[in-house]
Amino acid sequence: MSQAPGPPPHADSDARVRIEPQRRWDAFGMIVASCIGLLALLVSGYTAYVQRQQVRAQVWPHATIAYQDQDRRVSIFNKGVGPAKLETVRITVDGKPYRNWAAVLSALGLSGAEYGHSTLSETVLSPGESLAVLIFKDPSIYARFRRGMNARGRMDFCYCSTLEECWVFEDRRAPVKPVVRPVAQCPWQTATEAFTD
């Protein structure tokens, strides 16, 4: 009885040799594709980061207080390149917060002084814009107010950009300069600390 002819003696090893290099190239191709995908993801993330930094620079506000002696007024200026939204304000005399200008003036011994004022909270200042927050008719009353605030008072406020990034302007007694620092959210939300005028 004759047997069917089998595969040549080296057929198995030849098939293995043909399959193994093919598998190696497939694995190498997958590794290369994964590396390219990861690199593309990193480039995309970096590009998004750079774009956000550029947008932040384009809408960066910088608010500060100015005493304008000639006009007898206290103003807030936005010296930045983007809008500044005033969120919360705290005005203290001898460390105690007050909620309106009448109370502040009374604490400084200026009850009955004639003055005009603008609302501070929720005000938006465009780049280069100023807001006269307090104006006095009498130059001597203005001078006493300024001396009193320099010696005993502080006017701090929190403002935010259009990207909801916020900073606190902390007034300091002369000769120390004011400080502006970033914050996660605006402080002085409570009824005892928030200035409402």
C-alpha atoms as a PDB file:
ATOM      1  CA  MET A   1       0.000   0.000   0.000  1.00  0.00           C
ATOM      2  CA  SER A   2       1.489   3.240  -1.050  1.00  0.00           C
ATOM      3  CA  GLN A   3       1.470   6.321   1.167  1.00  0.00           C
ATOM      4  CA  ALA A   4       0.601   9.814   0.027  1.00  0.00           C
ATOM      5  CA  PRO A   5       3.701  11.889  -0.354  1.00  0.00           C
ATOM      6  CA  GLY A   6       4.243  14.160   2.695  1.00  0.00           C
ATOM      7  CA  PRO A   7       5.670  17.654   2.778  1.00  0.00           C
ATOM      8  CA  PRO A   8       9.322  17.941   2.091  1.00  0.00           C
ATOM      9  CA  PRO A   9      11.439  17.613   5.228  1.00  0.00           C
ATOM     10  CA  HIS A  10      12.112  21.383   5.526  1.00  0.00           C
ATOM     11  CA  ALA A  11       8.551  22.688   4.675  1.00  0.00           C
ATOM     12  CA  ASP A  12       7.649  23.543   8.328  1.00  0.00           C
ATOM     13  CA  SER A  13      10.808  25.475   8.934  1.00  0.00           C
ATOM     14  CA  ASP A  14      10.423  27.366   5.611  1.00  0.00           C
ATOM     15  CA  ALA A  15       6.846  28.448   6.523  1.00  0.00           C
ATOM     16  CA  ARG A  16       8.051  29.570   9.955  1.00  0.00           C
ATOM     17  CA  VAL A  17      10.806  31.625   8.416  1.00  0.00           C
ATOM     18  CA  ARG A  18       8.296  33.345   6.091  1.00  0.00           C
ATOM     19  CA  ILE A  19       5.744  34.073   8.908  1.00  0.00           C
ATOM     20  CA  GLU A  20       8.153  35.322  11.619  1.00  0.00           C
ATOM     21  CA  PRO A  21       9.645  38.215   9.603  1.00  0.00           C
ATOM     22  CA  GLN A  22       6.101  39.253   8.593  1.00  0.00           C
ATOM     23  CA  ARG A  23       5.065  39.336  12.279  1.00  0.00           C
ATOM     24  CA  ARG A  24       8.139  41.348  13.217  1.00  0.00           C
ATOM     25  CA  TRP A  25       7.373  43.977  10.564  1.00  0.00           C
ATOM     26  CA  ASP A  26       3.727  44.179  11.706  1.00  0.00           C
ATOM     27  CA  ALA A  27       4.802  44.722  15.336  1.00  0.00           C
ATOM     28  CA  PHE A  28       7.359  47.344  14.283  1.00  0.00           C
ATOM     29  CA  GLY A  29       4.696  49.127  12.195  1.00  0.00           C
ATOM     30  CA  MET A  30       2.310  49.224  15.189  1.00  0.00           C
ATOM     31  CA  ILE A  31       5.023  50.670  17.446  1.00  0.00           C
ATOM     32  CA  VAL A  32       5.870  53.363  14.873  1.00  0.00           C
ATOM     33  CA  ALA A  33       2.179  54.249  14.408  1.00  0.00           C
ATOM     34  CA  SER A  34       1.707  54.480  18.206  1.00  0.00           C
ATOM     35  CA  CYS A  35       4.741  56.774  18.529  1.00  0.00           C
ATOM     36  CA  ILE A  36       3.473  59.024  15.729  1.00  0.00           C
ATOM     37  CA  GLY A  37       0.016  59.190  17.360  1.00  0.00           C
ATOM     38  CA  LEU A  38       1.550  60.067  20.748  1.00  0.00           C
ATOM     39  CA  LEU A  39       3.744  62.735  19.160  1.00  0.00           C
ATOM     40  CA  ALA A  40       0.730  64.240  17.364  1.00  0.00           C
ATOM     41  CA  LEU A  41      -1.172  64.297  20.673  1.00  0.00           C
ATOM     42  CA  LEU A  42       1.721  66.066  22.429  1.00  0.00           C
ATOM     43  CA  VAL A  43       2.049  68.642  19.631  1.00  0.00           C
ATOM     44  CA  SER A  44      -1.707  69.269  19.728  1.00  0.00           C
ATOM     45  CA  GLY A  45      -1.651  69.750  23.523  1.00  0.00           C
ATOM     46  CA  TYR A  46       1.313  72.132  23.335  1.00  0.00           C
ATOM     47  CA  THR A  47      -0.357  74.127  20.538  1.00  0.00           C
ATOM     48  CA  ALA A  48      -3.539  74.471  22.640  1.00  0.00           C
ATOM     49  CA  TYR A  49      -1.434  75.616  25.620  1.00  0.00           C
ATOM     50  CA  VAL A  50       0.399  78.254  23.539  1.00  0.00           C
ATOM     51  CA  GLN A  51      -2.888  79.510  22.071  1.00  0.00           C
ATOM     52  CA  ARG A  52      -4.405  79.857  25.557  1.00  0.00           C
ATOM     53  CA  GLN A  53      -1.354  81.792  26.739  1.00  0.00           C
ATOM     54  CA  GLN A  54      -1.715  84.132  23.755  1.00  0.00           C
ATOM     55  CA  VAL A  55      -5.427  84.675  24.499  1.00  0.00           C
ATOM     56  CA  ARG A  56      -4.609  85.310  28.183  1.00  0.00           C
ATOM     57  CA  ALA A  57      -2.057  87.952  27.169  1.00  0.00           C
ATOM     58  CA  GLN A  58      -4.606  89.606  24.847  1.00  0.00           C
ATOM     59  CA  VAL A  59      -7.294  89.946  27.540  1.00  0.00           C
ATOM     60  CA  TRP A  60      -5.062  90.631  30.571  1.00  0.00           C
ATOM     61  CA  PRO A  61      -6.463  93.452  32.754  1.00  0.00           C
ATOM     62  CA  HIS A  62      -4.477  95.430  35.325  1.00  0.00           C
ATOM     63  CA  ALA A  63      -6.534  97.608  37.661  1.00  0.00           C
ATOM     64  CA  THR A  64      -5.058 100.086  40.121  1.00  0.00           C
ATOM     65  CA  ILE A  65      -6.122 103.000  42.367  1.00  0.00           C
ATOM     66  CA  ALA A  66      -5.098 106.591  41.695  1.00  0.00           C
ATOM     67  CA  TYR A  67      -5.549 109.645  43.905  1.00  0.00           C
ATOM     68  CA  GLN A  68      -6.026 112.617  41.587  1.00  0.00           C
ATOM     69  CA  ASP A  69      -5.266 115.627  43.753  1.00  0.00           C
ATOM     70  CA  GLN A  70      -6.019 118.264  41.128  1.00  0.00           C
ATOM     71  CA  ASP A  71      -9.536 116.895  40.536  1.00  0.00           C
ATOM     72  CA  ARG A  72     -10.113 115.924  44.203  1.00  0.00           C
ATOM     73  CA  ARG A  73     -11.052 112.396  43.253  1.00  0.00           C
ATOM     74  CA  VAL A  74     -10.162 108.770  43.831  1.00  0.00           C
ATOM     75  CA  SER A  75     -10.258 106.645  40.669  1.00  0.00           C
ATOM     76  CA  ILE A  76      -9.675 103.077  39.571  1.00  0.00           C
ATOM     77  CA  PHE A  77      -7.755 102.714  36.311  1.00  0.00           C
ATOM     78  CA  ASN A  78      -7.487  99.691  34.027  1.00  0.00           C
ATOM     79  CA  LYS A  79      -3.951  99.814  32.646  1.00  0.00           C
ATOM     80  CA  GLY A  80      -4.177  96.360  31.062  1.00  0.00           C
ATOM     81  CA  VAL A  81      -5.006  95.265  27.506  1.00  0.00           C
ATOM     82  CA  GLY A  82      -8.317  93.536  28.297  1.00  0.00           C
ATOM     83  CA  PRO A  83     -11.521  94.420  30.201  1.00  0.00           C
ATOM     84  CA  ALA A  84     -11.431  94.340  34.017  1.00  0.00           C
ATOM     85  CA  LYS A  85     -14.619  93.356  35.826  1.00  0.00           C
ATOM     86  CA  LEU A  86     -14.643  94.621  39.411  1.00  0.00           C
ATOM     87  CA  GLU A  87     -16.160  91.811  41.458  1.00  0.00           C
ATOM     88  CA  THR A  88     -15.773  92.598  45.157  1.00  0.00           C
ATOM     89  CA  VAL A  89     -14.438  95.521  47.197  1.00  0.00           C
ATOM     90  CA  ARG A  90     -13.351  95.865  50.822  1.00  0.00           C
ATOM     91  CA  ILE A  91     -12.643  99.226  52.446  1.00  0.00           C
ATOM     92  CA  THR A  92     -11.287  99.271  55.981  1.00  0.00           C
ATOM     93  CA  VAL A  93     -10.400 101.949  58.522  1.00  0.00           C
ATOM     94  CA  ASP A  94      -8.189 100.838  61.416  1.00  0.00           C
ATOM     95  CA  GLY A  95      -8.669  97.243  60.189  1.00  0.00           C
ATOM     96  CA  LYS A  96     -12.481  97.333  60.425  1.00  0.00           C
ATOM     97  CA  PRO A  97     -14.442  96.870  57.160  1.00  0.00           C
ATOM     98  CA  TYR A  98     -17.190  99.329  56.229  1.00  0.00           C
ATOM     99  CA  ARG A  99     -20.025  98.788  53.755  1.00  0.00           C
ATOM    100  CA  ASN A 100     -20.549 102.302  52.316  1.00  0.00           C
ATOM    101  CA  TRP A 101     -18.810 105.668  51.868  1.00  0.00           C
ATOM    102  CA  ALA A 102     -20.872 107.427  54.542  1.00  0.00           C
ATOM    103  CA  ALA A 103     -19.597 104.938  57.148  1.00  0.00           C
ATOM    104  CA  VAL A 104     -15.999 105.214  55.865  1.00  0.00           C
ATOM    105  CA  LEU A 105     -16.079 109.036  56.022  1.00  0.00           C
ATOM    106  CA  SER A 106     -17.617 108.936  59.485  1.00  0.00           C
ATOM    107  CA  ALA A 107     -14.834 106.594  60.680  1.00  0.00           C
ATOM    108  CA  LEU A 108     -12.283 109.098  59.309  1.00  0.00           C
ATOM    109  CA  GLY A 109     -13.970 111.985  61.134  1.00  0.00           C
ATOM    110  CA  LEU A 110     -15.479 113.474  57.959  1.00  0.00           C
ATOM    111  CA  SER A 111     -19.206 113.096  58.634  1.00  0.00           C
ATOM    112  CA  GLY A 112     -21.348 115.461  56.593  1.00  0.00           C
ATOM    113  CA  ALA A 113     -18.722 115.950  53.867  1.00  0.00           C
ATOM    114  CA  GLU A 114     -20.135 116.605  50.405  1.00  0.00           C
ATOM    115  CA  TYR A 115     -19.081 113.974  47.884  1.00  0.00           C
ATOM    116  CA  GLY A 116     -20.180 112.099  44.789  1.00  0.00           C
ATOM    117  CA  HIS A 117     -19.458 108.440  44.125  1.00  0.00           C
ATOM    118  CA  SER A 118     -19.822 105.648  41.559  1.00  0.00           C
ATOM    119  CA  THR A 119     -20.862 102.068  42.131  1.00  0.00           C
ATOM    120  CA  LEU A 120     -17.823  99.819  42.347  1.00  0.00           C
ATOM    121  CA  SER A 121     -18.961  96.192  42.349  1.00  0.00           C
ATOM    122  CA  GLU A 122     -19.938  94.531  39.062  1.00  0.00           C
ATOM    123  CA  THR A 123     -18.444  97.414  37.051  1.00  0.00           C
ATOM    124  CA  VAL A 124     -16.495  96.605  33.866  1.00  0.00           C
ATOM    125  CA  LEU A 125     -13.580  98.843  32.876  1.00  0.00           C
ATOM    126  CA  SER A 126     -12.349  98.732  29.286  1.00  0.00           C
ATOM    127  CA  PRO A 127      -8.593  98.939  28.624  1.00  0.00           C
ATOM    128  CA  GLY A 128      -7.420 102.480  29.363  1.00  0.00           C
ATOM    129  CA  GLU A 129     -10.714 103.412  31.063  1.00  0.00           C
ATOM    130  CA  SER A 130     -10.966 104.910  34.549  1.00  0.00           C
ATOM    131  CA  LEU A 131     -13.808 105.132  37.051  1.00  0.00           C
ATOM    132  CA  ALA A 132     -14.026 108.039  39.516  1.00  0.00           C
ATOM    133  CA  VAL A 133     -15.204 106.188  42.606  1.00  0.00           C
ATOM    134  CA  LEU A 134     -15.210 109.174  44.959  1.00  0.00           C
ATOM    135  CA  ILE A 135     -15.217 112.934  44.200  1.00  0.00           C
ATOM    136  CA  PHE A 136     -15.065 115.749  46.755  1.00  0.00           C
ATOM    137  CA  LYS A 137     -16.205 119.355  46.298  1.00  0.00           C
ATOM    138  CA  ASP A 138     -13.991 120.794  49.024  1.00  0.00           C
ATOM    139  CA  PRO A 139     -10.211 120.486  48.499  1.00  0.00           C
ATOM    140  CA  SER A 140      -9.556 120.522  52.239  1.00  0.00           C
ATOM    141  CA  ILE A 141     -11.972 117.621  52.820  1.00  0.00           C
ATOM    142  CA  TYR A 142     -10.279 115.671  50.016  1.00  0.00           C
ATOM    143  CA  ALA A 143      -6.869 116.349  51.583  1.00  0.00           C
ATOM    144  CA  ARG A 144      -8.102 115.138  54.991  1.00  0.00           C
ATOM    145  CA  PHE A 145      -9.639 112.037  53.391  1.00  0.00           C
ATOM    146  CA  ARG A 146      -6.399 111.188  51.625  1.00  0.00           C
ATOM    147  CA  ARG A 147      -4.316 111.702  54.773  1.00  0.00           C
ATOM    148  CA  GLY A 148      -6.760 109.556  56.755  1.00  0.00           C
ATOM    149  CA  MET A 149      -6.711 106.731  54.204  1.00  0.00           C
ATOM    150  CA  ASN A 150      -2.901 106.831  54.000  1.00  0.00           C
ATOM    151  CA  ALA A 151      -2.597 106.642  57.785  1.00  0.00           C
ATOM    152  CA  ARG A 152      -5.514 104.403  58.775  1.00  0.00           C
ATOM    153  CA  GLY A 153      -7.409 103.058  55.757  1.00  0.00           C
ATOM    154  CA  ARG A 154      -7.164 100.503  52.984  1.00  0.00           C
ATOM    155  CA  MET A 155      -9.118 100.048  49.775  1.00  0.00           C
ATOM    156  CA  ASP A 156      -8.743  96.540  48.378  1.00  0.00           C
ATOM    157  CA  PHE A 157     -10.653  95.099  45.443  1.00  0.00           C
ATOM    158  CA  CYS A 158     -10.871  91.962  43.327  1.00  0.00           C
ATOM    159  CA  TYR A 159     -11.229  92.024  39.541  1.00  0.00           C
ATOM    160  CA  CYS A 160     -11.444  89.368  36.829  1.00  0.00           C
ATOM    161  CA  SER A 161     -10.678  88.992  33.123  1.00  0.00           C
ATOM    162  CA  THR A 162     -13.056  87.682  30.464  1.00  0.00           C
ATOM    163  CA  LEU A 163     -11.426  84.252  30.989  1.00  0.00           C
ATOM    164  CA  GLU A 164     -12.585  84.342  34.637  1.00  0.00           C
ATOM    165  CA  GLU A 165      -9.019  84.671  35.925  1.00  0.00           C
ATOM    166  CA  CYS A 166      -9.023  86.924  38.977  1.00  0.00           C
ATOM    167  CA  TRP A 167      -6.598  89.167  40.871  1.00  0.00           C
ATOM    168  CA  VAL A 168      -6.729  91.047  44.154  1.00  0.00           C
ATOM    169  CA  PHE A 169      -5.389  94.591  44.385  1.00  0.00           C
ATOM    170  CA  GLU A 170      -4.203  95.049  47.971  1.00  0.00           C
ATOM    171  CA  ASP A 171      -3.714  98.640  49.029  1.00  0.00           C
ATOM    172  CA  ARG A 172      -0.750  99.373  51.267  1.00  0.00           C
ATOM    173  CA  ARG A 173       0.094 102.267  53.507  1.00  0.00           C
ATOM    174  CA  ALA A 174       2.734 104.588  52.077  1.00  0.00           C
ATOM    175  CA  PRO A 175       5.628 104.191  51.421  1.00  0.00           C
ATOM    176  CA  VAL A 176       4.877 100.485  50.743  1.00  0.00           C
ATOM    177  CA  LYS A 177       3.563  99.909  47.218  1.00  0.00           C
ATOM    178  CA  PRO A 178       0.261  98.107  46.548  1.00  0.00           C
ATOM    179  CA  VAL A 179       0.327  94.411  45.716  1.00  0.00           C
ATOM    180  CA  VAL A 180      -1.585  92.644  42.917  1.00  0.00           C
ATOM    181  CA  ARG A 181      -1.834  88.871  43.308  1.00  0.00           C
ATOM    182  CA  PRO A 182      -3.770  86.169  41.441  1.00  0.00           C
ATOM    183  CA  VAL A 183      -6.577  84.347  43.284  1.00  0.00           C
ATOM    184  CA  ALA A 184      -8.719  81.317  42.464  1.00  0.00           C
ATOM    185  CA  GLN A 185     -11.887  83.254  43.345  1.00  0.00           C
ATOM    186  CA  CYS A 186     -12.703  86.688  44.689  1.00  0.00           C
ATOM    187  CA  PRO A 187     -12.821  87.094  48.498  1.00  0.00           C
ATOM    188  CA  TRP A 188     -14.993  89.392  50.661  1.00  0.00           C
ATOM    189  CA  GLN A 189     -18.302  87.889  49.609  1.00  0.00           C
ATOM    190  CA  THR A 190     -19.781  87.995  53.116  1.00  0.00           C
ATOM    191  CA  ALA A 191     -22.143  90.748  54.252  1.00  0.00           C
ATOM    192  CA  THR A 192     -19.719  91.866  56.975  1.00  0.00           C
ATOM    193  CA  GLU A 193     -16.803  92.466  54.575  1.00  0.00           C
ATOM    194  CA  ALA A 194     -18.290  93.388  51.196  1.00  0.00           C
ATOM    195  CA  PHE A 195     -18.400  97.090  50.314  1.00  0.00           C
ATOM    196  CA  THR A 196     -21.767  97.786  48.668  1.00  0.00           C
ATOM    197  CA  ASP A 197     -21.640 101.464  47.581  1.00  0.00           C
END
